[in-house]
Amino acid sequence: MRELSLFRLYLLRAGYLFIAVGLAIFMWPDFIRQMAHPDPQRELMDGVVACMQAALSLLALLGLRYPLRMLPVLLWEMLWKAIWLLIVALPAWSSGQMTDAIAENVFACALGAVVAITVPWDYVFKQLAGKPGDRWAKGAATGTAAGTAADVGG
């Protein structure tokens, strides 16, 4: 397989930067404020979401340096948004029960389309679907029961 062009790598880095900057602007101020002045009345899931977004923003920064190695992070980000849109937003919209909170989250999830544009999908499919998976047991890669020296040594 040929290497990705430098342009594609920079486009991918732009996707990570989009996430990191967006979360730095919209999430980190509240996150820092919550750390400085904890609110015991804060909803549990608000705290879970804030922590996951903080982790995502840090991993997105790592994606600037290692854009291909961090692709699973982008895939996870796009996948959870697509699932949420299908099982929460679409039923709410189709039943006429769309709330302001759901609509606001739909907009935030729609921004994930920007990231999807930066992903080198041909590379993703060739790497994830086109190659054999990692081995499940010792010796499975070589087809022998003895395994390799690296398997024996740990």
C-alpha atoms as a PDB file:
ATOM      1  CA  MET A   1       0.000   0.000   0.000  1.00  0.00           C
ATOM      2  CA  ARG A   2       1.337   3.394  -0.871  1.00  0.00           C
ATOM      3  CA  GLU A   3       1.946   6.013   1.749  1.00  0.00           C
ATOM      4  CA  LEU A   4      -0.560   8.796   2.381  1.00  0.00           C
ATOM      5  CA  SER A   5       0.356  12.107   0.811  1.00  0.00           C
ATOM      6  CA  LEU A   6       1.583  14.923   3.000  1.00  0.00           C
ATOM      7  CA  PHE A   7      -1.574  16.851   2.072  1.00  0.00           C
ATOM      8  CA  ARG A   8      -3.790  14.021   3.425  1.00  0.00           C
ATOM      9  CA  LEU A   9      -1.759  13.916   6.652  1.00  0.00           C
ATOM     10  CA  TYR A  10      -2.176  17.673   7.096  1.00  0.00           C
ATOM     11  CA  LEU A  11      -5.888  17.393   6.345  1.00  0.00           C
ATOM     12  CA  LEU A  12      -6.138  14.694   9.009  1.00  0.00           C
ATOM     13  CA  ARG A  13      -4.206  16.893  11.427  1.00  0.00           C
ATOM     14  CA  ALA A  14      -6.714  19.662  10.682  1.00  0.00           C
ATOM     15  CA  GLY A  15      -9.469  17.321  11.915  1.00  0.00           C
ATOM     16  CA  TYR A  16      -7.645  16.744  15.182  1.00  0.00           C
ATOM     17  CA  LEU A  17      -7.002  20.470  15.517  1.00  0.00           C
ATOM     18  CA  PHE A  18     -10.686  21.201  14.899  1.00  0.00           C
ATOM     19  CA  ILE A  19     -11.628  18.911  17.790  1.00  0.00           C
ATOM     20  CA  ALA A  20      -8.911  20.182  20.135  1.00  0.00           C
ATOM     21  CA  VAL A  21      -9.652  23.864  19.519  1.00  0.00           C
ATOM     22  CA  GLY A  22     -13.418  23.380  19.643  1.00  0.00           C
ATOM     23  CA  LEU A  23     -13.224  21.591  22.983  1.00  0.00           C
ATOM     24  CA  ALA A  24     -10.685  24.109  24.295  1.00  0.00           C
ATOM     25  CA  ILE A  25     -13.125  26.927  23.559  1.00  0.00           C
ATOM     26  CA  PHE A  26     -16.412  25.317  24.564  1.00  0.00           C
ATOM     27  CA  MET A  27     -15.549  22.637  27.125  1.00  0.00           C
ATOM     28  CA  TRP A  28     -12.323  23.435  28.976  1.00  0.00           C
ATOM     29  CA  PRO A  29     -13.441  26.717  30.627  1.00  0.00           C
ATOM     30  CA  ASP A  30     -16.391  24.959  32.301  1.00  0.00           C
ATOM     31  CA  PHE A  31     -14.235  21.934  33.112  1.00  0.00           C
ATOM     32  CA  ILE A  32     -11.616  24.102  34.851  1.00  0.00           C
ATOM     33  CA  ARG A  33     -14.326  26.087  36.648  1.00  0.00           C
ATOM     34  CA  GLN A  34     -15.839  22.802  37.888  1.00  0.00           C
ATOM     35  CA  MET A  35     -12.445  21.625  39.137  1.00  0.00           C
ATOM     36  CA  ALA A  36     -11.864  24.911  40.991  1.00  0.00           C
ATOM     37  CA  HIS A  37     -15.389  25.121  42.415  1.00  0.00           C
ATOM     38  CA  PRO A  38     -17.032  21.677  42.428  1.00  0.00           C
ATOM     39  CA  ASP A  39     -20.803  21.726  42.237  1.00  0.00           C
ATOM     40  CA  PRO A  40     -22.238  18.844  44.277  1.00  0.00           C
ATOM     41  CA  GLN A  41     -25.573  19.316  42.490  1.00  0.00           C
ATOM     42  CA  ARG A  42     -24.027  18.666  39.060  1.00  0.00           C
ATOM     43  CA  GLU A  43     -25.635  15.772  37.245  1.00  0.00           C
ATOM     44  CA  LEU A  44     -23.538  12.601  37.195  1.00  0.00           C
ATOM     45  CA  MET A  45     -23.661  12.258  33.403  1.00  0.00           C
ATOM     46  CA  ASP A  46     -22.583  15.894  32.939  1.00  0.00           C
ATOM     47  CA  GLY A  47     -19.416  15.035  34.816  1.00  0.00           C
ATOM     48  CA  VAL A  48     -18.894  11.840  32.822  1.00  0.00           C
ATOM     49  CA  VAL A  49     -19.324  13.701  29.530  1.00  0.00           C
ATOM     50  CA  ALA A  50     -16.954  16.481  30.623  1.00  0.00           C
ATOM     51  CA  CYS A  51     -14.259  13.966  31.554  1.00  0.00           C
ATOM     52  CA  MET A  52     -14.653  12.082  28.279  1.00  0.00           C
ATOM     53  CA  GLN A  53     -14.431  15.342  26.331  1.00  0.00           C
ATOM     54  CA  ALA A  54     -11.318  16.341  28.255  1.00  0.00           C
ATOM     55  CA  ALA A  55      -9.717  13.005  27.380  1.00  0.00           C
ATOM     56  CA  LEU A  56     -10.777  13.377  23.750  1.00  0.00           C
ATOM     57  CA  SER A  57      -9.245  16.854  23.505  1.00  0.00           C
ATOM     58  CA  LEU A  58      -5.930  15.579  24.885  1.00  0.00           C
ATOM     59  CA  LEU A  59      -5.947  12.621  22.502  1.00  0.00           C
ATOM     60  CA  ALA A  60      -6.742  15.000  19.628  1.00  0.00           C
ATOM     61  CA  LEU A  61      -3.614  16.953  20.518  1.00  0.00           C
ATOM     62  CA  LEU A  62      -1.686  13.692  20.345  1.00  0.00           C
ATOM     63  CA  GLY A  63      -3.277  13.153  16.937  1.00  0.00           C
ATOM     64  CA  LEU A  64      -1.486  16.253  15.681  1.00  0.00           C
ATOM     65  CA  ARG A  65       1.789  14.393  16.142  1.00  0.00           C
ATOM     66  CA  TYR A  66       0.575  10.872  15.240  1.00  0.00           C
ATOM     67  CA  PRO A  67      -2.388  11.362  12.899  1.00  0.00           C
ATOM     68  CA  LEU A  68      -2.569   7.788  11.606  1.00  0.00           C
ATOM     69  CA  ARG A  69      -2.028   6.059  14.937  1.00  0.00           C
ATOM     70  CA  MET A  70      -4.810   8.089  16.513  1.00  0.00           C
ATOM     71  CA  LEU A  71      -7.388   7.332  13.805  1.00  0.00           C
ATOM     72  CA  PRO A  72      -9.385   5.019  16.122  1.00  0.00           C
ATOM     73  CA  VAL A  73     -10.073   8.076  18.302  1.00  0.00           C
ATOM     74  CA  LEU A  74     -11.657   9.881  15.354  1.00  0.00           C
ATOM     75  CA  LEU A  75     -13.620   6.778  14.411  1.00  0.00           C
ATOM     76  CA  TRP A  76     -14.941   6.460  17.970  1.00  0.00           C
ATOM     77  CA  GLU A  77     -15.923  10.140  17.979  1.00  0.00           C
ATOM     78  CA  MET A  78     -17.840   9.852  14.717  1.00  0.00           C
ATOM     79  CA  LEU A  79     -19.424   6.514  15.637  1.00  0.00           C
ATOM     80  CA  TRP A  80     -20.896   7.559  18.973  1.00  0.00           C
ATOM     81  CA  LYS A  81     -22.330  10.697  17.360  1.00  0.00           C
ATOM     82  CA  ALA A  82     -23.910   8.712  14.540  1.00  0.00           C
ATOM     83  CA  ILE A  83     -25.409   6.236  17.021  1.00  0.00           C
ATOM     84  CA  TRP A  84     -26.770   9.064  19.192  1.00  0.00           C
ATOM     85  CA  LEU A  85     -28.316  10.761  16.175  1.00  0.00           C
ATOM     86  CA  LEU A  86     -30.014   7.497  15.169  1.00  0.00           C
ATOM     87  CA  ILE A  87     -31.315   6.338  18.560  1.00  0.00           C
ATOM     88  CA  VAL A  88     -32.028   9.668  20.288  1.00  0.00           C
ATOM     89  CA  ALA A  89     -32.348  12.575  17.879  1.00  0.00           C
ATOM     90  CA  LEU A  90     -34.123  10.873  14.968  1.00  0.00           C
ATOM     91  CA  PRO A  91     -36.877   9.308  17.117  1.00  0.00           C
ATOM     92  CA  ALA A  92     -37.375  12.616  18.958  1.00  0.00           C
ATOM     93  CA  TRP A  93     -37.615  14.512  15.692  1.00  0.00           C
ATOM     94  CA  SER A  94     -39.928  11.984  14.005  1.00  0.00           C
ATOM     95  CA  SER A  95     -42.297  11.940  17.003  1.00  0.00           C
ATOM     96  CA  GLY A  96     -42.362  15.729  17.302  1.00  0.00           C
ATOM     97  CA  GLN A  97     -40.659  15.662  20.709  1.00  0.00           C
ATOM     98  CA  MET A  98     -37.456  17.487  19.771  1.00  0.00           C
ATOM     99  CA  THR A  99     -36.362  19.607  22.735  1.00  0.00           C
ATOM    100  CA  ASP A 100     -33.953  22.545  22.714  1.00  0.00           C
ATOM    101  CA  ALA A 101     -31.341  20.363  24.442  1.00  0.00           C
ATOM    102  CA  ILE A 102     -31.634  17.651  21.785  1.00  0.00           C
ATOM    103  CA  ALA A 103     -31.508  20.222  18.977  1.00  0.00           C
ATOM    104  CA  GLU A 104     -28.396  21.781  20.492  1.00  0.00           C
ATOM    105  CA  ASN A 105     -26.713  18.387  20.655  1.00  0.00           C
ATOM    106  CA  VAL A 106     -27.765  17.619  17.057  1.00  0.00           C
ATOM    107  CA  PHE A 107     -25.883  20.729  15.973  1.00  0.00           C
ATOM    108  CA  ALA A 108     -22.810  19.688  17.978  1.00  0.00           C
ATOM    109  CA  CYS A 109     -22.949  16.189  16.467  1.00  0.00           C
ATOM    110  CA  ALA A 110     -23.357  17.608  12.977  1.00  0.00           C
ATOM    111  CA  LEU A 111     -19.984  19.293  13.406  1.00  0.00           C
ATOM    112  CA  GLY A 112     -18.586  15.762  13.364  1.00  0.00           C
ATOM    113  CA  ALA A 113     -19.189  15.813   9.610  1.00  0.00           C
ATOM    114  CA  VAL A 114     -16.271  18.242   9.352  1.00  0.00           C
ATOM    115  CA  VAL A 115     -14.011  15.631  10.934  1.00  0.00           C
ATOM    116  CA  ALA A 116     -15.379  12.883   8.663  1.00  0.00           C
ATOM    117  CA  ILE A 117     -14.205  14.867   5.648  1.00  0.00           C
ATOM    118  CA  THR A 118     -10.621  14.811   6.939  1.00  0.00           C
ATOM    119  CA  VAL A 119     -10.451  11.023   7.410  1.00  0.00           C
ATOM    120  CA  PRO A 120      -8.600   9.101   4.672  1.00  0.00           C
ATOM    121  CA  TRP A 121     -11.350   6.491   4.316  1.00  0.00           C
ATOM    122  CA  ASP A 122      -9.537   4.384   1.737  1.00  0.00           C
ATOM    123  CA  TYR A 123      -6.632   4.045   4.170  1.00  0.00           C
ATOM    124  CA  VAL A 124      -8.981   3.185   7.048  1.00  0.00           C
ATOM    125  CA  PHE A 125     -10.726   0.433   5.071  1.00  0.00           C
ATOM    126  CA  LYS A 126      -7.469  -1.041   3.804  1.00  0.00           C
ATOM    127  CA  GLN A 127      -5.925  -1.003   7.290  1.00  0.00           C
ATOM    128  CA  LEU A 128      -8.911  -2.269   9.252  1.00  0.00           C
ATOM    129  CA  ALA A 129     -10.806  -4.438   6.778  1.00  0.00           C
ATOM    130  CA  GLY A 130      -8.123  -5.347   4.293  1.00  0.00           C
ATOM    131  CA  LYS A 131      -5.516  -6.814   6.627  1.00  0.00           C
ATOM    132  CA  PRO A 132      -5.686  -9.881   8.859  1.00  0.00           C
ATOM    133  CA  GLY A 133      -6.412  -9.214  12.500  1.00  0.00           C
ATOM    134  CA  ASP A 134      -3.924  -9.559  15.309  1.00  0.00           C
ATOM    135  CA  ARG A 135      -3.357 -13.085  16.567  1.00  0.00           C
ATOM    136  CA  TRP A 136      -5.453 -14.536  19.372  1.00  0.00           C
ATOM    137  CA  ALA A 137      -3.023 -17.117  20.733  1.00  0.00           C
ATOM    138  CA  LYS A 138       0.668 -17.911  20.835  1.00  0.00           C
ATOM    139  CA  GLY A 139       1.941 -19.443  17.658  1.00  0.00           C
ATOM    140  CA  ALA A 140      -1.131 -18.443  15.659  1.00  0.00           C
ATOM    141  CA  ALA A 141       0.856 -16.009  13.524  1.00  0.00           C
ATOM    142  CA  THR A 142       3.376 -18.626  12.387  1.00  0.00           C
ATOM    143  CA  GLY A 143       0.947 -21.506  12.195  1.00  0.00           C
ATOM    144  CA  THR A 144       2.969 -23.588  14.664  1.00  0.00           C
ATOM    145  CA  ALA A 145       2.226 -24.586  18.205  1.00  0.00           C
ATOM    146  CA  ALA A 146       5.722 -23.608  19.335  1.00  0.00           C
ATOM    147  CA  GLY A 147       5.391 -19.901  18.513  1.00  0.00           C
ATOM    148  CA  THR A 148       8.286 -17.537  18.060  1.00  0.00           C
ATOM    149  CA  ALA A 149      11.135 -16.582  20.332  1.00  0.00           C
ATOM    150  CA  ALA A 150       9.307 -13.362  21.172  1.00  0.00           C
ATOM    151  CA  ASP A 151       6.222 -15.385  22.172  1.00  0.00           C
ATOM    152  CA  VAL A 152       8.237 -17.657  24.448  1.00  0.00           C
ATOM    153  CA  GLY A 153      10.085 -14.742  26.061  1.00  0.00           C
ATOM    154  CA  GLY A 154       6.890 -12.820  26.762  1.00  0.00           C
END
